Amino acid sequence: HGIEAVMSGLPFGRLIVNTFVFPGGTSVLLLLFDSMTAFALARLKFRGQHILFIVILATLMVPFQVTLVPVFLTLFHLGWLNSYQALIVPRATSALGIFLLRQFFMQLPRELDDAARIDGAGNFTLYWRVILPNARPALASLFIIQFSTLWNDFLWPLVVSNNTDMQTLPAALTLFSSQSGVD
């Protein structure tokens, strides 16, 4: 009787889609944003570069739960609750990802930059056609780490979506079992 109640009470197709869209979409955006930030910190020279990197690293010491309420209030005022934007955008970058990619980018030979610049490459071309193709192992590692972390994330989808159509499978199953008494 418990399995029938779960099967009839939850939109499983939608929950499975959400369970893949949340970690997948967030991880893809994270790779883009973190790699651009890491490229700037590793390959470009600008004033305040080291201070910015230290500030980014300092955010590693702040647990996500500390920022939960301010981010929730921001999403509420934007009218994004119960949407993919609320699930994805606040998690679309991470200090760990920036750190990991920056360290990898710094290990790539500077001669690659020099050769690309001699051929007329600007910063974006250097980033897109030289650095990213050489960083596939680091990008794949970061994607796997981030995807698995978000796949297992229970709190964030539960906070930003009270509509079953926007929840992930773990959050919806937990809420369903607590509401209906199904074990």
C-alpha atoms as a PDB file:
ATOM      1  CA  HIS A   1       0.000   0.000   0.000  1.00  0.00           C
ATOM      2  CA  GLY A   2       2.961   2.346   0.593  1.00  0.00           C
ATOM      3  CA  ILE A   3       4.414   2.041  -2.924  1.00  0.00           C
ATOM      4  CA  GLU A   4       1.039   2.696  -4.585  1.00  0.00           C
ATOM      5  CA  ALA A   5       0.598   5.811  -2.458  1.00  0.00           C
ATOM      6  CA  VAL A   6       3.995   7.115  -3.501  1.00  0.00           C
ATOM      7  CA  MET A   7       3.484   6.274  -7.185  1.00  0.00           C
ATOM      8  CA  SER A   8       0.071   7.938  -7.337  1.00  0.00           C
ATOM      9  CA  GLY A   9       0.988  10.912  -5.153  1.00  0.00           C
ATOM     10  CA  LEU A  10       4.128  12.175  -6.921  1.00  0.00           C
ATOM     11  CA  PRO A  11       4.819  13.283 -10.508  1.00  0.00           C
ATOM     12  CA  PHE A  12       7.865  11.031 -10.980  1.00  0.00           C
ATOM     13  CA  GLY A  13       8.661  12.076 -14.541  1.00  0.00           C
ATOM     14  CA  ARG A  14       8.897  15.735 -13.575  1.00  0.00           C
ATOM     15  CA  LEU A  15      10.886  14.945 -10.414  1.00  0.00           C
ATOM     16  CA  ILE A  16      13.429  12.913 -12.385  1.00  0.00           C
ATOM     17  CA  VAL A  17      13.808  15.713 -14.949  1.00  0.00           C
ATOM     18  CA  ASN A  18      14.336  18.225 -12.117  1.00  0.00           C
ATOM     19  CA  THR A  19      16.816  15.878 -10.454  1.00  0.00           C
ATOM     20  CA  PHE A  20      18.952  15.936 -13.623  1.00  0.00           C
ATOM     21  CA  VAL A  21      18.355  19.584 -14.635  1.00  0.00           C
ATOM     22  CA  PHE A  22      19.427  20.989 -11.257  1.00  0.00           C
ATOM     23  CA  PRO A  23      22.877  19.361 -10.968  1.00  0.00           C
ATOM     24  CA  GLY A  24      23.463  19.247 -14.735  1.00  0.00           C
ATOM     25  CA  GLY A  25      22.548  22.846 -15.505  1.00  0.00           C
ATOM     26  CA  THR A  26      24.290  24.158 -12.424  1.00  0.00           C
ATOM     27  CA  SER A  27      27.465  22.184 -13.165  1.00  0.00           C
ATOM     28  CA  VAL A  28      27.644  23.411 -16.768  1.00  0.00           C
ATOM     29  CA  LEU A  29      27.237  27.049 -15.684  1.00  0.00           C
ATOM     30  CA  LEU A  30      29.741  26.509 -12.906  1.00  0.00           C
ATOM     31  CA  LEU A  31      32.333  25.235 -15.388  1.00  0.00           C
ATOM     32  CA  LEU A  32      31.808  28.309 -17.546  1.00  0.00           C
ATOM     33  CA  PHE A  33      31.892  30.911 -14.759  1.00  0.00           C
ATOM     34  CA  ASP A  34      34.618  29.285 -12.683  1.00  0.00           C
ATOM     35  CA  SER A  35      36.857  28.708 -15.696  1.00  0.00           C
ATOM     36  CA  MET A  36      36.524  32.339 -16.797  1.00  0.00           C
ATOM     37  CA  THR A  37      37.322  33.557 -13.294  1.00  0.00           C
ATOM     38  CA  ALA A  38      40.221  31.135 -12.948  1.00  0.00           C
ATOM     39  CA  PHE A  39      41.573  32.191 -16.350  1.00  0.00           C
ATOM     40  CA  ALA A  40      41.547  35.839 -15.296  1.00  0.00           C
ATOM     41  CA  LEU A  41      43.242  35.048 -11.988  1.00  0.00           C
ATOM     42  CA  ALA A  42      45.850  32.731 -13.518  1.00  0.00           C
ATOM     43  CA  ARG A  43      46.691  34.342 -16.873  1.00  0.00           C
ATOM     44  CA  LEU A  44      45.808  38.027 -16.768  1.00  0.00           C
ATOM     45  CA  LYS A  45      47.478  40.742 -14.727  1.00  0.00           C
ATOM     46  CA  PHE A  46      45.321  43.342 -13.002  1.00  0.00           C
ATOM     47  CA  ARG A  47      45.396  45.414  -9.846  1.00  0.00           C
ATOM     48  CA  GLY A  48      43.902  43.634  -6.834  1.00  0.00           C
ATOM     49  CA  GLN A  49      44.287  40.203  -8.405  1.00  0.00           C
ATOM     50  CA  HIS A  50      45.831  38.565  -5.328  1.00  0.00           C
ATOM     51  CA  ILE A  51      43.404  40.242  -2.921  1.00  0.00           C
ATOM     52  CA  LEU A  52      40.468  39.025  -5.012  1.00  0.00           C
ATOM     53  CA  PHE A  53      41.850  35.494  -4.958  1.00  0.00           C
ATOM     54  CA  ILE A  54      42.241  35.611  -1.168  1.00  0.00           C
ATOM     55  CA  VAL A  55      38.662  36.860  -0.780  1.00  0.00           C
ATOM     56  CA  ILE A  56      37.421  34.008  -2.997  1.00  0.00           C
ATOM     57  CA  LEU A  57      39.395  31.503  -0.922  1.00  0.00           C
ATOM     58  CA  ALA A  58      38.018  33.022   2.290  1.00  0.00           C
ATOM     59  CA  THR A  59      34.500  32.191   1.126  1.00  0.00           C
ATOM     60  CA  LEU A  60      35.450  28.510   1.418  1.00  0.00           C
ATOM     61  CA  MET A  61      35.301  28.984   5.180  1.00  0.00           C
ATOM     62  CA  VAL A  62      31.701  30.244   5.080  1.00  0.00           C
ATOM     63  CA  PRO A  63      29.206  27.376   5.126  1.00  0.00           C
ATOM     64  CA  PHE A  64      26.388  27.600   2.606  1.00  0.00           C
ATOM     65  CA  GLN A  65      23.826  27.521   5.425  1.00  0.00           C
ATOM     66  CA  VAL A  66      25.067  30.933   6.622  1.00  0.00           C
ATOM     67  CA  THR A  67      24.061  32.552   3.335  1.00  0.00           C
ATOM     68  CA  LEU A  68      20.845  30.570   2.977  1.00  0.00           C
ATOM     69  CA  VAL A  69      18.455  33.193   4.374  1.00  0.00           C
ATOM     70  CA  PRO A  70      19.868  36.226   2.502  1.00  0.00           C
ATOM     71  CA  VAL A  71      19.925  34.290  -0.777  1.00  0.00           C
ATOM     72  CA  PHE A  72      16.387  33.045  -0.156  1.00  0.00           C
ATOM     73  CA  LEU A  73      15.161  36.589   0.496  1.00  0.00           C
ATOM     74  CA  THR A  74      16.852  37.819  -2.677  1.00  0.00           C
ATOM     75  CA  LEU A  75      15.194  35.057  -4.706  1.00  0.00           C
ATOM     76  CA  PHE A  76      11.853  35.874  -3.075  1.00  0.00           C
ATOM     77  CA  HIS A  77      12.129  39.554  -4.031  1.00  0.00           C
ATOM     78  CA  LEU A  78      13.117  38.614  -7.580  1.00  0.00           C
ATOM     79  CA  GLY A  79      10.058  36.342  -7.797  1.00  0.00           C
ATOM     80  CA  TRP A  80      12.219  33.327  -8.642  1.00  0.00           C
ATOM     81  CA  LEU A  81      11.009  30.849  -6.021  1.00  0.00           C
ATOM     82  CA  ASN A  82       9.694  27.583  -7.498  1.00  0.00           C
ATOM     83  CA  SER A  83      11.727  28.038 -10.691  1.00  0.00           C
ATOM     84  CA  TYR A  84      14.826  26.623 -12.315  1.00  0.00           C
ATOM     85  CA  GLN A  85      16.551  29.990 -11.842  1.00  0.00           C
ATOM     86  CA  ALA A  86      16.172  29.650  -8.080  1.00  0.00           C
ATOM     87  CA  LEU A  87      17.628  26.148  -8.142  1.00  0.00           C
ATOM     88  CA  ILE A  88      20.515  26.860 -10.507  1.00  0.00           C
ATOM     89  CA  VAL A  89      21.736  30.480 -10.403  1.00  0.00           C
ATOM     90  CA  PRO A  90      22.765  30.770  -6.711  1.00  0.00           C
ATOM     91  CA  ARG A  91      24.846  27.584  -6.975  1.00  0.00           C
ATOM     92  CA  ALA A  92      26.406  28.346 -10.395  1.00  0.00           C
ATOM     93  CA  THR A  93      29.848  29.195  -9.051  1.00  0.00           C
ATOM     94  CA  SER A  94      32.093  27.907  -6.303  1.00  0.00           C
ATOM     95  CA  ALA A  95      35.316  28.977  -4.690  1.00  0.00           C
ATOM     96  CA  LEU A  96      36.545  25.390  -4.826  1.00  0.00           C
ATOM     97  CA  GLY A  97      36.043  25.306  -8.591  1.00  0.00           C
ATOM     98  CA  ILE A  98      37.832  28.619  -9.083  1.00  0.00           C
ATOM     99  CA  PHE A  99      40.718  27.459  -6.920  1.00  0.00           C
ATOM    100  CA  LEU A 100      41.041  24.079  -8.640  1.00  0.00           C
ATOM    101  CA  LEU A 101      40.943  25.541 -12.158  1.00  0.00           C
ATOM    102  CA  ARG A 102      43.259  28.440 -11.313  1.00  0.00           C
ATOM    103  CA  GLN A 103      45.860  26.034 -10.010  1.00  0.00           C
ATOM    104  CA  PHE A 104      45.527  23.898 -13.127  1.00  0.00           C
ATOM    105  CA  PHE A 105      45.729  26.920 -15.460  1.00  0.00           C
ATOM    106  CA  MET A 106      48.867  28.141 -13.705  1.00  0.00           C
ATOM    107  CA  GLN A 107      50.566  24.819 -14.483  1.00  0.00           C
ATOM    108  CA  LEU A 108      50.013  25.188 -18.225  1.00  0.00           C
ATOM    109  CA  PRO A 109      53.125  26.540 -19.993  1.00  0.00           C
ATOM    110  CA  ARG A 110      53.131  30.288 -20.675  1.00  0.00           C
ATOM    111  CA  GLU A 111      54.632  29.515 -24.073  1.00  0.00           C
ATOM    112  CA  LEU A 112      51.132  28.481 -25.174  1.00  0.00           C
ATOM    113  CA  ASP A 113      49.942  32.026 -24.440  1.00  0.00           C
ATOM    114  CA  ASP A 114      52.915  33.550 -26.264  1.00  0.00           C
ATOM    115  CA  ALA A 115      52.358  31.376 -29.355  1.00  0.00           C
ATOM    116  CA  ALA A 116      48.652  32.232 -29.447  1.00  0.00           C
ATOM    117  CA  ARG A 117      49.348  35.956 -29.011  1.00  0.00           C
ATOM    118  CA  ILE A 118      51.892  35.874 -31.868  1.00  0.00           C
ATOM    119  CA  ASP A 119      49.122  34.371 -34.012  1.00  0.00           C
ATOM    120  CA  GLY A 120      46.892  37.326 -33.053  1.00  0.00           C
ATOM    121  CA  ALA A 121      44.771  35.735 -30.342  1.00  0.00           C
ATOM    122  CA  GLY A 122      43.049  37.993 -27.844  1.00  0.00           C
ATOM    123  CA  ASN A 123      42.114  37.044 -24.315  1.00  0.00           C
ATOM    124  CA  PHE A 124      38.881  35.280 -25.263  1.00  0.00           C
ATOM    125  CA  THR A 125      40.514  33.286 -28.059  1.00  0.00           C
ATOM    126  CA  LEU A 126      43.341  32.323 -25.706  1.00  0.00           C
ATOM    127  CA  TYR A 127      40.800  31.203 -23.119  1.00  0.00           C
ATOM    128  CA  TRP A 128      38.474  29.347 -25.527  1.00  0.00           C
ATOM    129  CA  ARG A 129      40.897  27.800 -28.013  1.00  0.00           C
ATOM    130  CA  VAL A 130      44.061  27.236 -25.977  1.00  0.00           C
ATOM    131  CA  ILE A 131      43.400  27.047 -22.236  1.00  0.00           C
ATOM    132  CA  LEU A 132      40.050  25.211 -22.131  1.00  0.00           C
ATOM    133  CA  PRO A 133      41.038  22.395 -24.527  1.00  0.00           C
ATOM    134  CA  ASN A 134      44.145  21.770 -22.434  1.00  0.00           C
ATOM    135  CA  ALA A 135      42.105  21.820 -19.235  1.00  0.00           C
ATOM    136  CA  ARG A 136      39.713  18.989 -20.097  1.00  0.00           C
ATOM    137  CA  PRO A 137      40.925  16.745 -17.224  1.00  0.00           C
ATOM    138  CA  ALA A 138      40.413  19.494 -14.637  1.00  0.00           C
ATOM    139  CA  LEU A 139      37.051  20.460 -16.135  1.00  0.00           C
ATOM    140  CA  ALA A 140      35.873  16.835 -16.125  1.00  0.00           C
ATOM    141  CA  SER A 141      36.985  16.389 -12.512  1.00  0.00           C
ATOM    142  CA  LEU A 142      35.233  19.563 -11.418  1.00  0.00           C
ATOM    143  CA  PHE A 143      32.065  18.573 -13.290  1.00  0.00           C
ATOM    144  CA  ILE A 144      31.966  15.178 -11.563  1.00  0.00           C
ATOM    145  CA  ILE A 145      32.605  16.688  -8.119  1.00  0.00           C
ATOM    146  CA  GLN A 146      29.983  19.391  -8.576  1.00  0.00           C
ATOM    147  CA  PHE A 147      27.372  17.148 -10.200  1.00  0.00           C
ATOM    148  CA  SER A 148      27.604  14.548  -7.433  1.00  0.00           C
ATOM    149  CA  THR A 149      27.509  17.216  -4.730  1.00  0.00           C
ATOM    150  CA  LEU A 150      24.392  18.804  -6.198  1.00  0.00           C
ATOM    151  CA  TRP A 151      22.780  15.436  -6.926  1.00  0.00           C
ATOM    152  CA  ASN A 152      22.964  14.714  -3.201  1.00  0.00           C
ATOM    153  CA  ASP A 153      21.883  18.237  -2.189  1.00  0.00           C
ATOM    154  CA  PHE A 154      18.725  17.985  -0.166  1.00  0.00           C
ATOM    155  CA  LEU A 155      18.502  21.364   1.556  1.00  0.00           C
ATOM    156  CA  TRP A 156      18.662  23.835  -1.335  1.00  0.00           C
ATOM    157  CA  PRO A 157      15.882  22.318  -3.504  1.00  0.00           C
ATOM    158  CA  LEU A 158      13.746  21.966  -0.404  1.00  0.00           C
ATOM    159  CA  VAL A 159      14.199  25.644   0.530  1.00  0.00           C
ATOM    160  CA  VAL A 160      13.552  27.255  -2.871  1.00  0.00           C
ATOM    161  CA  SER A 161      10.651  25.084  -4.028  1.00  0.00           C
ATOM    162  CA  ASN A 162       7.496  24.284  -2.146  1.00  0.00           C
ATOM    163  CA  ASN A 163       5.801  23.148  -5.362  1.00  0.00           C
ATOM    164  CA  THR A 164       6.236  19.432  -6.080  1.00  0.00           C
ATOM    165  CA  ASP A 165       6.669  20.201  -9.798  1.00  0.00           C
ATOM    166  CA  MET A 166       9.944  22.051  -9.077  1.00  0.00           C
ATOM    167  CA  GLN A 167      11.454  19.770  -6.440  1.00  0.00           C
ATOM    168  CA  THR A 168      14.089  17.126  -6.918  1.00  0.00           C
ATOM    169  CA  LEU A 169      13.347  13.490  -6.214  1.00  0.00           C
ATOM    170  CA  PRO A 170      15.100  13.271  -2.808  1.00  0.00           C
ATOM    171  CA  ALA A 171      13.333  16.389  -1.497  1.00  0.00           C
ATOM    172  CA  ALA A 172       9.919  15.334  -2.795  1.00  0.00           C
ATOM    173  CA  LEU A 173      10.198  11.791  -1.427  1.00  0.00           C
ATOM    174  CA  THR A 174      11.221  13.053   1.987  1.00  0.00           C
ATOM    175  CA  LEU A 175       8.396  15.559   2.128  1.00  0.00           C
ATOM    176  CA  PHE A 176       5.884  13.003   0.860  1.00  0.00           C
ATOM    177  CA  SER A 177       6.921  10.408   3.427  1.00  0.00           C
ATOM    178  CA  SER A 178       6.788  12.927   6.281  1.00  0.00           C
ATOM    179  CA  GLN A 179       3.344  14.179   5.218  1.00  0.00           C
ATOM    180  CA  SER A 180       1.724  10.841   4.507  1.00  0.00           C
ATOM    181  CA  GLY A 181       3.435   8.674   7.101  1.00  0.00           C
ATOM    182  CA  VAL A 182       4.838   6.318   4.430  1.00  0.00           C
ATOM    183  CA  ASP A 183       8.102   4.668   5.509  1.00  0.00           C
END
